[in-house]
N, C-alpha and C. Protein backbone atom coordinates (compact mmCIF):
# COMPACT_ATOMS: atom_id res chain seq x y z
N UNK A 1 -38.08 144.95 -142.17
CA UNK A 1 -37.35 143.98 -142.37
C UNK A 1 -39.03 142.98 -141.58
N UNK A 2 -38.87 141.74 -142.28
CA UNK A 2 -39.54 140.57 -142.16
C UNK A 2 -40.98 141.55 -143.35
N UNK A 3 -40.81 142.45 -144.41
CA UNK A 3 -41.87 142.53 -144.93
C UNK A 3 -42.29 142.23 -146.04
N UNK A 4 -42.25 140.75 -145.66
CA UNK A 4 -42.71 139.65 -146.89
C UNK A 4 -43.91 139.68 -147.26
N UNK A 5 -44.38 139.61 -148.57
CA UNK A 5 -46.21 139.70 -148.43
C UNK A 5 -47.31 138.51 -147.47
N UNK A 6 -46.32 137.45 -147.31
CA UNK A 6 -47.47 136.70 -146.33
C UNK A 6 -47.81 137.48 -145.04
N UNK A 7 -46.56 137.45 -144.71
CA UNK A 7 -46.30 138.36 -143.41
C UNK A 7 -47.20 139.42 -143.33
N UNK A 8 -47.06 140.00 -144.49
CA UNK A 8 -47.99 141.67 -144.32
C UNK A 8 -49.11 141.88 -144.28
N UNK A 9 -49.09 140.62 -145.53
CA UNK A 9 -50.93 140.06 -145.32
C UNK A 9 -51.85 139.53 -144.13
N UNK A 10 -50.69 139.01 -143.33
CA UNK A 10 -51.30 138.68 -141.91
C UNK A 10 -51.89 139.74 -140.98
N UNK A 11 -50.43 140.79 -140.76
CA UNK A 11 -50.18 141.51 -140.03
C UNK A 11 -50.96 143.16 -140.43
N UNK A 12 -51.12 143.48 -141.20
CA UNK A 12 -51.55 144.63 -141.81
C UNK A 12 -52.86 144.48 -141.79
N UNK A 13 -53.73 145.54 -141.60
CA UNK A 13 -54.86 145.57 -141.45
C UNK A 13 -55.38 145.89 -142.63
N UNK A 14 -55.16 147.48 -143.28
CA UNK A 14 -55.59 147.50 -144.26
C UNK A 14 -53.40 147.96 -144.87
N UNK A 15 -52.92 146.69 -145.78
CA UNK A 15 -52.06 146.70 -146.53
C UNK A 15 -51.84 147.61 -147.09
N UNK A 16 -52.80 148.17 -148.27
CA UNK A 16 -52.42 149.11 -149.13
C UNK A 16 -51.74 150.39 -148.20
N UNK A 17 -52.08 150.83 -147.32
CA UNK A 17 -52.02 152.02 -146.36
C UNK A 17 -51.24 151.61 -145.66
N UNK A 18 -50.35 150.22 -144.93
CA UNK A 18 -49.30 149.74 -144.32
C UNK A 18 -48.01 150.52 -145.22
N UNK A 19 -48.02 149.41 -146.77
CA UNK A 19 -46.78 149.51 -147.38
C UNK A 19 -46.74 150.59 -147.51
N UNK A 20 -47.69 152.00 -147.72
CA UNK A 20 -47.33 153.17 -148.59
C UNK A 20 -45.92 153.97 -147.70
N UNK A 21 -45.87 153.54 -146.36
CA UNK A 21 -45.67 154.55 -145.91
C UNK A 21 -44.29 153.61 -146.17
N UNK A 22 -43.72 152.31 -145.53
CA UNK A 22 -42.59 152.28 -145.19
C UNK A 22 -41.95 152.51 -147.42
N UNK A 23 -42.79 152.03 -148.38
CA UNK A 23 -42.48 152.32 -149.43
C UNK A 23 -41.72 154.08 -149.43
N UNK A 24 -42.74 155.12 -149.06
CA UNK A 24 -42.14 156.80 -148.72
C UNK A 24 -40.95 156.47 -148.25
N UNK A 25 -40.77 155.89 -147.43
CA UNK A 25 -39.45 156.17 -146.56
C UNK A 25 -38.74 155.29 -147.39
N UNK A 26 -38.28 153.85 -147.75
CA UNK A 26 -37.48 153.66 -148.72
C UNK A 26 -37.07 154.17 -150.58
N UNK A 27 -38.40 155.15 -150.60
CA UNK A 27 -38.03 156.17 -152.02
C UNK A 27 -36.89 157.32 -151.26
N UNK A 28 -37.52 158.08 -150.19
CA UNK A 28 -36.30 158.97 -149.93
C UNK A 28 -35.02 158.38 -149.78
N UNK A 29 -35.09 157.45 -148.71
CA UNK A 29 -33.56 157.34 -148.47
C UNK A 29 -32.65 156.77 -149.24
N UNK A 30 -33.39 155.95 -150.80
CA UNK A 30 -33.01 155.74 -152.01
C UNK A 30 -32.03 157.57 -152.90
N UNK A 31 -33.28 158.16 -152.33
CA UNK A 31 -33.67 159.50 -153.34
C UNK A 31 -32.16 160.29 -152.61
N UNK A 32 -31.62 160.13 -150.97
CA UNK A 32 -30.66 160.86 -150.42
C UNK A 32 -29.64 160.03 -150.03
N UNK A 33 -29.20 158.89 -151.03
CA UNK A 33 -28.08 157.89 -151.33
C UNK A 33 -27.91 157.03 -149.80
N UNK A 34 -29.14 156.83 -148.85
CA UNK A 34 -28.96 156.45 -148.33
C UNK A 34 -29.05 154.86 -148.50
N UNK A 35 -28.06 153.18 -147.87
CA UNK A 35 -27.51 152.18 -147.98
C UNK A 35 -29.42 151.58 -147.60
N UNK A 36 -29.53 150.35 -148.33
CA UNK A 36 -31.47 149.83 -148.35
C UNK A 36 -30.42 148.89 -147.52
N UNK A 37 -31.28 148.03 -146.71
CA UNK A 37 -30.66 146.75 -146.21
C UNK A 37 -31.96 145.97 -145.95
N UNK A 38 -32.20 145.16 -146.99
CA UNK A 38 -33.65 144.29 -146.59
C UNK A 38 -33.35 143.30 -145.68
N UNK A 39 -34.94 143.33 -144.57
CA UNK A 39 -34.13 141.91 -143.83
C UNK A 39 -35.56 141.22 -143.99
N UNK A 40 -35.34 139.71 -144.65
CA UNK A 40 -36.10 138.43 -144.57
C UNK A 40 -36.15 137.36 -144.09
N UNK A 41 -36.87 136.93 -143.61
CA UNK A 41 -37.15 135.67 -142.75
C UNK A 41 -37.02 134.61 -143.84
N UNK A 42 -36.26 133.53 -143.68
CA UNK A 42 -36.43 132.48 -144.87
C UNK A 42 -36.09 131.06 -143.98
N UNK A 43 -35.67 130.01 -144.86
CA UNK A 43 -35.31 128.61 -144.51
C UNK A 43 -35.68 127.97 -145.32
N UNK A 44 -34.62 126.89 -145.51
CA UNK A 44 -33.86 125.97 -146.54
C UNK A 44 -35.46 125.03 -146.48
N UNK A 45 -35.65 124.12 -147.75
CA UNK A 45 -36.56 123.02 -148.10
C UNK A 45 -36.55 122.25 -146.23
N UNK A 46 -37.14 121.61 -145.71
CA UNK A 46 -37.84 121.10 -144.67
C UNK A 46 -37.21 121.32 -143.38
N UNK A 47 -37.12 122.27 -143.28
CA UNK A 47 -36.80 123.75 -142.55
C UNK A 47 -35.69 123.50 -141.50
N UNK A 48 -34.38 123.09 -141.57
CA UNK A 48 -33.09 122.43 -141.22
C UNK A 48 -32.92 123.40 -139.86
N UNK A 49 -33.27 124.45 -140.34
CA UNK A 49 -32.48 125.25 -139.01
C UNK A 49 -33.30 125.79 -137.97
N UNK A 50 -34.45 124.95 -138.14
CA UNK A 50 -35.62 125.32 -136.66
C UNK A 50 -35.29 123.77 -136.27
N UNK A 51 -35.02 124.19 -134.29
CA UNK A 51 -35.39 122.73 -133.38
C UNK A 51 -36.46 122.86 -133.14
N UNK A 52 -36.49 121.92 -132.22
CA UNK A 52 -37.70 121.57 -131.54
C UNK A 52 -37.62 122.01 -129.99
N UNK A 53 -36.27 122.87 -129.71
CA UNK A 53 -36.90 123.88 -128.69
C UNK A 53 -37.24 124.88 -128.73
N UNK A 54 -37.47 125.29 -129.84
CA UNK A 54 -37.54 126.89 -130.06
C UNK A 54 -38.92 127.03 -130.55
N UNK A 55 -39.64 126.68 -129.57
CA UNK A 55 -41.13 127.34 -129.67
C UNK A 55 -41.90 128.09 -131.13
N UNK A 56 -41.69 129.10 -130.77
CA UNK A 56 -42.04 130.15 -132.01
C UNK A 56 -41.63 129.46 -133.36
N UNK A 57 -40.38 128.51 -133.60
CA UNK A 57 -40.33 128.27 -135.25
C UNK A 57 -41.07 126.80 -135.04
N UNK A 58 -40.58 126.32 -134.42
CA UNK A 58 -41.06 124.46 -134.37
C UNK A 58 -42.58 124.45 -134.70
N UNK A 59 -43.27 126.06 -134.56
CA UNK A 59 -44.56 126.04 -134.40
C UNK A 59 -44.62 125.67 -136.44
N UNK A 60 -44.23 126.67 -136.66
CA UNK A 60 -43.91 126.85 -138.47
C UNK A 60 -43.13 125.04 -139.19
N UNK A 61 -42.80 124.96 -138.37
CA UNK A 61 -42.01 123.31 -138.74
C UNK A 61 -42.97 122.34 -138.83
N UNK A 62 -43.70 122.69 -138.06
CA UNK A 62 -44.75 121.67 -137.78
C UNK A 62 -45.70 122.13 -138.26
N UNK A 63 -45.87 122.60 -139.04
CA UNK A 63 -47.94 123.17 -139.48
C UNK A 63 -47.29 123.79 -141.39
N UNK A 64 -48.32 122.56 -141.95
CA UNK A 64 -48.02 122.99 -143.17
C UNK A 64 -48.58 124.45 -143.68
N UNK A 65 -49.69 124.92 -143.17
CA UNK A 65 -50.04 126.60 -143.07
C UNK A 65 -49.01 126.96 -142.99
N UNK A 66 -48.26 127.17 -142.00
CA UNK A 66 -47.56 128.17 -141.75
C UNK A 66 -46.36 128.32 -142.92
N UNK A 67 -45.83 127.22 -142.93
CA UNK A 67 -45.01 126.68 -143.70
C UNK A 67 -45.47 127.62 -145.51
N UNK A 68 -46.39 127.85 -145.68
CA UNK A 68 -46.79 128.08 -147.46
C UNK A 68 -46.31 129.72 -146.90
N UNK A 69 -46.08 130.27 -145.55
CA UNK A 69 -46.10 131.78 -145.90
C UNK A 69 -44.92 132.19 -146.00
N UNK A 70 -43.57 131.19 -146.51
CA UNK A 70 -42.60 130.62 -146.34
C UNK A 70 -41.81 130.76 -147.73
N UNK A 71 -42.66 130.40 -148.23
CA UNK A 71 -42.67 129.29 -149.72
C UNK A 71 -43.03 130.30 -151.34
N UNK A 72 -42.10 130.34 -152.11
CA UNK A 72 -42.69 131.21 -152.86
C UNK A 72 -43.17 132.83 -153.19
N UNK A 73 -43.99 132.95 -153.93
CA UNK A 73 -44.29 134.46 -153.83
C UNK A 73 -44.61 134.88 -152.43
N UNK A 74 -45.30 133.78 -151.42
CA UNK A 74 -45.54 134.54 -150.61
C UNK A 74 -44.34 134.76 -149.34
N UNK A 75 -43.34 134.11 -149.66
CA UNK A 75 -41.81 134.52 -149.21
C UNK A 75 -41.16 135.84 -149.05
N UNK A 76 -41.77 136.09 -150.21
CA UNK A 76 -40.72 136.93 -151.13
C UNK A 76 -41.34 138.69 -150.43
N UNK A 77 -40.32 139.66 -150.36
CA UNK A 77 -40.57 140.63 -150.17
C UNK A 77 -41.72 141.03 -150.54
N UNK A 78 -42.20 141.90 -150.19
CA UNK A 78 -44.05 142.97 -150.62
C UNK A 78 -43.11 143.65 -152.04
N UNK A 79 -43.98 142.81 -152.65
CA UNK A 79 -43.84 144.03 -154.28
C UNK A 79 -43.74 145.34 -154.33
N UNK A 80 -44.63 145.57 -153.95
CA UNK A 80 -44.77 147.58 -152.99
C UNK A 80 -42.97 147.80 -152.49
N UNK A 81 -42.56 146.93 -151.39
CA UNK A 81 -40.93 147.37 -151.25
C UNK A 81 -40.16 146.88 -151.32
N UNK A 82 -39.92 146.50 -152.92
CA UNK A 82 -39.22 145.24 -153.22
C UNK A 82 -37.78 145.85 -153.27
N UNK A 83 -36.38 144.96 -153.24
CA UNK A 83 -35.35 145.38 -153.36
C UNK A 83 -34.99 145.72 -154.93
N UNK A 84 -34.21 146.76 -154.76
CA UNK A 84 -33.39 147.90 -156.40
C UNK A 84 -32.57 147.11 -155.91
N UNK A 85 -31.43 147.36 -156.94
CA UNK A 85 -30.55 146.35 -157.94
C UNK A 85 -29.38 146.58 -156.42
N UNK A 86 -29.32 148.02 -156.25
CA UNK A 86 -28.13 148.48 -154.69
C UNK A 86 -28.70 148.25 -153.63
N UNK A 87 -30.34 147.65 -153.18
CA UNK A 87 -29.94 147.52 -151.71
C UNK A 87 -29.95 145.91 -151.98
N UNK A 88 -29.58 145.74 -150.24
CA UNK A 88 -28.76 144.30 -149.89
C UNK A 88 -30.01 143.73 -149.10
N UNK A 89 -29.86 142.36 -149.20
CA UNK A 89 -30.91 141.47 -148.70
C UNK A 89 -30.11 140.10 -147.99
N UNK A 90 -30.73 140.65 -146.19
CA UNK A 90 -30.12 139.72 -145.63
C UNK A 90 -31.24 138.36 -145.14
N UNK A 91 -30.95 137.31 -145.29
CA UNK A 91 -31.59 136.40 -144.94
C UNK A 91 -31.71 135.39 -143.49
N UNK A 92 -32.71 135.81 -142.79
CA UNK A 92 -32.01 134.98 -141.19
C UNK A 92 -33.50 134.10 -141.15
N UNK A 93 -33.17 133.05 -139.83
CA UNK A 93 -33.51 131.93 -139.64
C UNK A 93 -33.88 132.17 -138.12
N UNK A 94 -33.62 133.19 -137.75
CA UNK A 94 -33.89 133.41 -136.17
C UNK A 94 -34.98 135.18 -135.74
N UNK A 95 -35.24 135.37 -134.96
CA UNK A 95 -36.48 136.87 -134.50
C UNK A 95 -35.24 137.77 -135.35
N UNK A 96 -34.08 137.96 -134.55
CA UNK A 96 -33.01 139.00 -134.89
C UNK A 96 -32.67 139.16 -136.21
N UNK A 97 -32.27 140.23 -136.78
CA UNK A 97 -31.40 140.64 -137.63
C UNK A 97 -30.34 140.26 -137.70
N UNK A 98 -29.97 140.37 -136.83
CA UNK A 98 -28.58 139.73 -136.59
C UNK A 98 -27.74 138.50 -136.34
N UNK A 99 -28.76 137.89 -135.54
CA UNK A 99 -28.31 136.28 -134.79
C UNK A 99 -27.89 135.53 -136.47
N UNK A 100 -26.68 135.01 -136.16
CA UNK A 100 -26.34 134.34 -137.21
C UNK A 100 -26.63 134.77 -138.76
N UNK A 101 -26.63 136.01 -139.08
CA UNK A 101 -26.80 136.51 -140.49
C UNK A 101 -25.20 137.25 -140.34
N UNK A 102 -24.90 137.87 -141.87
CA UNK A 102 -23.91 138.49 -142.03
C UNK A 102 -23.49 140.07 -141.72
N UNK A 103 -25.00 140.60 -141.64
CA UNK A 103 -25.33 141.93 -141.08
C UNK A 103 -24.54 142.78 -140.55
N UNK A 104 -23.86 142.14 -138.78
CA UNK A 104 -23.08 143.20 -138.72
C UNK A 104 -21.67 143.26 -139.47
N UNK A 105 -21.29 142.36 -140.16
CA UNK A 105 -20.32 142.32 -140.84
C UNK A 105 -20.11 143.20 -142.33
N UNK A 106 -21.28 144.05 -142.56
CA UNK A 106 -21.84 144.63 -143.78
C UNK A 106 -22.12 145.86 -143.45
N UNK A 107 -22.44 146.32 -141.86
CA UNK A 107 -22.36 147.30 -141.65
C UNK A 107 -21.40 147.84 -141.24
N UNK A 108 -20.12 146.95 -140.70
CA UNK A 108 -19.01 147.66 -140.46
C UNK A 108 -17.93 147.83 -141.48
N UNK A 109 -18.71 147.09 -142.74
CA UNK A 109 -17.51 147.16 -144.22
C UNK A 109 -17.97 148.84 -145.13
N UNK A 110 -19.05 148.81 -144.29
CA UNK A 110 -20.10 149.97 -144.81
C UNK A 110 -19.30 151.17 -144.25
N UNK A 111 -19.27 150.65 -143.36
CA UNK A 111 -18.90 151.85 -141.99
C UNK A 111 -19.56 152.78 -141.51
N UNK A 112 -21.14 151.59 -141.34
CA UNK A 112 -22.80 152.57 -140.88
C UNK A 112 -22.84 152.30 -139.45
N UNK A 113 -22.95 153.59 -139.16
CA UNK A 113 -23.26 153.89 -137.24
C UNK A 113 -24.08 153.87 -136.57
N UNK A 114 -25.48 153.83 -138.25
CA UNK A 114 -26.90 154.54 -137.49
C UNK A 114 -27.36 153.83 -138.23
N UNK A 115 -28.71 153.36 -137.55
CA UNK A 115 -29.54 152.16 -137.67
C UNK A 115 -31.17 152.67 -138.32
N UNK A 116 -31.94 152.94 -139.40
CA UNK A 116 -33.16 153.27 -138.89
C UNK A 116 -34.02 151.76 -139.21
N UNK A 117 -34.64 151.28 -138.25
CA UNK A 117 -35.53 150.57 -138.33
C UNK A 117 -36.64 150.31 -138.28
N UNK A 118 -37.56 149.56 -139.48
CA UNK A 118 -39.10 149.37 -139.11
C UNK A 118 -39.16 148.12 -139.70
N UNK A 119 -40.43 146.95 -139.50
CA UNK A 119 -40.90 146.13 -139.81
C UNK A 119 -41.80 145.35 -139.08
N UNK A 120 -42.16 144.56 -139.16
CA UNK A 120 -43.01 143.24 -138.98
C UNK A 120 -42.39 142.23 -138.49
N UNK A 121 -42.71 141.64 -136.73
CA UNK A 121 -43.45 141.98 -136.40
C UNK A 121 -42.87 143.09 -135.15
N UNK A 122 -44.12 144.09 -134.64
CA UNK A 122 -43.02 145.15 -133.49
C UNK A 122 -42.41 144.36 -132.22
N UNK A 123 -42.95 143.71 -131.72
CA UNK A 123 -42.43 142.40 -130.94
C UNK A 123 -41.65 141.31 -131.18
N UNK A 124 -40.71 141.25 -132.69
CA UNK A 124 -40.46 140.26 -132.52
C UNK A 124 -38.85 140.97 -133.14
N UNK A 125 -38.80 140.55 -134.48
CA UNK A 125 -38.02 141.33 -135.36
C UNK A 125 -37.41 143.27 -134.74
N UNK A 126 -38.54 143.68 -134.94
CA UNK A 126 -38.38 144.74 -134.60
C UNK A 126 -37.89 145.11 -133.26
N UNK A 127 -37.77 144.47 -132.41
CA UNK A 127 -38.10 144.37 -130.96
C UNK A 127 -36.34 143.43 -130.74
N UNK A 128 -36.45 142.68 -131.01
CA UNK A 128 -34.84 141.91 -131.21
C UNK A 128 -33.72 142.36 -131.64
N UNK A 129 -34.07 143.05 -132.99
CA UNK A 129 -32.47 143.54 -133.66
C UNK A 129 -33.09 144.90 -132.52
N UNK A 130 -33.40 145.66 -132.43
CA UNK A 130 -33.22 146.85 -131.49
C UNK A 130 -32.35 146.96 -130.76
N UNK A 131 -32.58 145.70 -129.90
CA UNK A 131 -31.85 145.94 -128.75
C UNK A 131 -30.54 144.77 -128.29
N UNK A 132 -30.32 144.06 -129.68
CA UNK A 132 -28.67 143.55 -130.13
C UNK A 132 -28.01 144.66 -130.79
N UNK A 133 -28.66 145.76 -131.76
CA UNK A 133 -28.53 146.59 -132.70
C UNK A 133 -27.67 147.51 -131.32
N UNK A 134 -28.54 148.07 -130.45
CA UNK A 134 -28.19 148.89 -129.18
C UNK A 134 -26.95 147.96 -128.08
N UNK A 135 -26.86 147.34 -128.20
CA UNK A 135 -25.53 146.42 -126.81
C UNK A 135 -24.63 146.83 -127.75
N UNK A 136 -24.82 146.53 -129.64
CA UNK A 136 -23.55 146.74 -130.49
C UNK A 136 -23.35 148.79 -130.70
N UNK A 137 -23.85 149.05 -129.79
CA UNK A 137 -23.91 150.50 -129.75
C UNK A 137 -23.63 151.23 -131.22
N UNK A 138 -24.78 150.59 -132.07
CA UNK A 138 -25.66 151.80 -132.60
C UNK A 138 -26.51 152.77 -132.88
N UNK A 139 -26.58 154.14 -133.10
CA UNK A 139 -27.32 154.96 -132.85
C UNK A 139 -28.63 154.16 -133.70
N UNK A 140 -29.55 154.47 -133.12
CA UNK A 140 -31.43 153.81 -133.58
C UNK A 140 -31.78 155.22 -133.39
N UNK A 141 -32.99 154.35 -134.89
CA UNK A 141 -34.29 155.34 -134.80
C UNK A 141 -35.29 154.18 -135.68
N UNK A 142 -36.50 154.40 -134.89
CA UNK A 142 -37.44 152.97 -135.39
C UNK A 142 -38.35 154.00 -136.03
N UNK A 143 -39.23 153.52 -136.82
CA UNK A 143 -40.57 154.40 -137.63
C UNK A 143 -41.40 153.51 -137.51
N UNK A 144 -42.07 154.21 -136.01
CA UNK A 144 -43.13 153.99 -135.60
C UNK A 144 -44.62 152.89 -136.64
N UNK A 145 -44.78 154.03 -137.54
CA UNK A 145 -45.79 153.61 -138.06
C UNK A 145 -45.75 152.84 -139.58
N UNK A 146 -44.23 152.34 -139.34
CA UNK A 146 -44.23 151.29 -140.11
C UNK A 146 -43.85 150.18 -139.79
N UNK A 147 -44.13 150.09 -138.65
CA UNK A 147 -44.23 148.53 -137.46
C UNK A 147 -45.51 148.09 -137.63
N UNK A 148 -45.97 146.40 -137.49
CA UNK A 148 -47.05 146.31 -136.86
C UNK A 148 -46.51 145.50 -136.23
N UNK A 149 -47.63 145.08 -135.86
CA UNK A 149 -47.82 143.88 -134.39
C UNK A 149 -49.26 143.41 -134.71
N UNK A 150 -49.67 142.34 -134.33
CA UNK A 150 -50.88 141.84 -134.39
C UNK A 150 -51.70 142.34 -132.81
N UNK A 151 -50.58 142.74 -132.03
CA UNK A 151 -51.44 143.07 -130.65
C UNK A 151 -51.25 145.00 -130.80
N UNK A 152 -52.26 145.23 -130.92
CA UNK A 152 -52.21 147.05 -131.24
C UNK A 152 -51.26 147.40 -129.70
N UNK A 153 -51.84 147.16 -127.91
CA UNK A 153 -51.42 147.00 -127.17
C UNK A 153 -50.23 147.44 -126.42
N UNK A 154 -49.27 145.61 -127.54
CA UNK A 154 -47.91 145.47 -127.30
C UNK A 154 -47.43 146.53 -127.80
N UNK A 155 -47.57 146.36 -129.73
CA UNK A 155 -46.88 147.49 -130.35
C UNK A 155 -47.03 148.91 -129.68
N UNK A 156 -47.79 149.90 -129.45
CA UNK A 156 -47.88 150.58 -128.09
C UNK A 156 -46.62 150.87 -126.97
N UNK A 157 -46.94 149.83 -126.58
CA UNK A 157 -46.43 149.88 -125.11
C UNK A 157 -44.65 149.91 -126.03
N UNK A 158 -44.47 149.07 -126.33
CA UNK A 158 -43.17 149.29 -127.42
C UNK A 158 -42.55 150.17 -127.30
N UNK A 159 -43.48 150.69 -128.93
CA UNK A 159 -42.73 152.34 -128.93
C UNK A 159 -42.96 153.51 -128.35
N UNK A 160 -44.01 153.21 -127.23
CA UNK A 160 -44.03 154.28 -126.89
C UNK A 160 -43.22 154.42 -124.74
N UNK A 161 -43.11 153.10 -124.53
CA UNK A 161 -42.37 153.02 -123.85
C UNK A 161 -41.18 151.86 -123.50
N UNK A 162 -40.99 151.17 -124.06
CA UNK A 162 -39.33 150.07 -124.43
C UNK A 162 -38.35 150.72 -125.23
N UNK A 163 -38.99 151.64 -126.62
CA UNK A 163 -38.43 151.92 -127.82
C UNK A 163 -37.25 153.10 -127.18
N UNK A 164 -37.68 153.82 -126.85
CA UNK A 164 -36.89 155.26 -126.53
C UNK A 164 -35.94 155.50 -125.51
N UNK A 165 -36.04 154.28 -124.49
CA UNK A 165 -35.16 153.98 -123.72
C UNK A 165 -33.12 154.40 -124.65
N UNK A 166 -33.80 153.81 -125.86
CA UNK A 166 -32.70 152.63 -126.95
C UNK A 166 -32.88 153.10 -128.16
N UNK A 167 -34.00 154.37 -128.36
CA UNK A 167 -33.55 154.83 -129.95
C UNK A 167 -34.24 156.16 -130.14
N UNK A 168 -34.42 156.55 -131.13
CA UNK A 168 -35.70 157.84 -131.30
C UNK A 168 -36.51 157.32 -132.34
N UNK A 169 -38.01 157.67 -131.59
CA UNK A 169 -38.45 157.34 -132.22
C UNK A 169 -39.69 157.99 -133.00
N UNK A 170 -39.89 157.60 -134.18
CA UNK A 170 -39.75 158.64 -135.09
C UNK A 170 -41.70 158.09 -136.03
N UNK A 171 -42.53 159.15 -136.72
CA UNK A 171 -43.60 158.54 -137.81
C UNK A 171 -42.72 158.54 -139.74
N UNK A 172 -42.91 157.93 -140.10
CA UNK A 172 -42.68 158.09 -141.45
C UNK A 172 -42.94 159.69 -142.38
N UNK A 173 -43.43 160.25 -142.11
CA UNK A 173 -43.15 161.55 -142.45
C UNK A 173 -42.84 162.59 -141.50
N UNK A 174 -42.08 162.31 -139.89
CA UNK A 174 -41.31 162.63 -139.50
C UNK A 174 -39.80 162.64 -140.09
N UNK A 175 -39.56 161.31 -140.11
CA UNK A 175 -38.03 161.15 -140.27
C UNK A 175 -37.64 161.47 -141.90
N UNK A 176 -39.39 161.76 -143.31
CA UNK A 176 -38.54 162.15 -144.55
C UNK A 176 -38.03 163.79 -144.20
N UNK A 177 -39.58 164.39 -143.21
CA UNK A 177 -38.98 165.90 -143.29
C UNK A 177 -38.05 166.48 -142.42
N UNK A 178 -37.30 165.43 -141.42
CA UNK A 178 -36.29 165.56 -140.96
C UNK A 178 -34.54 165.77 -141.61
N UNK A 179 -34.91 164.47 -143.02
CA UNK A 179 -33.76 164.31 -143.26
C UNK A 179 -34.30 165.50 -144.72
N UNK A 180 -34.96 165.86 -145.66
CA UNK A 180 -35.28 166.61 -146.79
C UNK A 180 -33.80 168.15 -146.54
């Protein structure tokens, strides 16, 4: 989720090492016939989806520098994680992958009841999507080393203390080993 080029560049200290882990997870998932759904954040020209009361996103609307993160190649999913023809891409306009998207409809139509989540930021899209998915009764796993946050302490608190109440926490290597 939100593994777009500009977001990866802003959040991952070592981009190459970071994208290698989710790339290995994607390769493994596809080889096992799992559904792959990419979630990206995006907006229409002039950002009509963003209102002034939304503190997080209004900062984007008011900053030409932040707006560049959601335009052109910077807004695309990182090339190492790029969707393949059978993958599904969801574009969201808020933090959660569910709010205002057709994600839940797609999951129901495909009879998916288990989600494996990862993305940037741990305290943003991962947290929001995890909480909503748990409330919708999905079985959940979070790949901790495929998540990133600007604050390493917040990331650690979430994956070590908050997420385990709602999900199984695994590393990329543990997920691959468990489903091999």
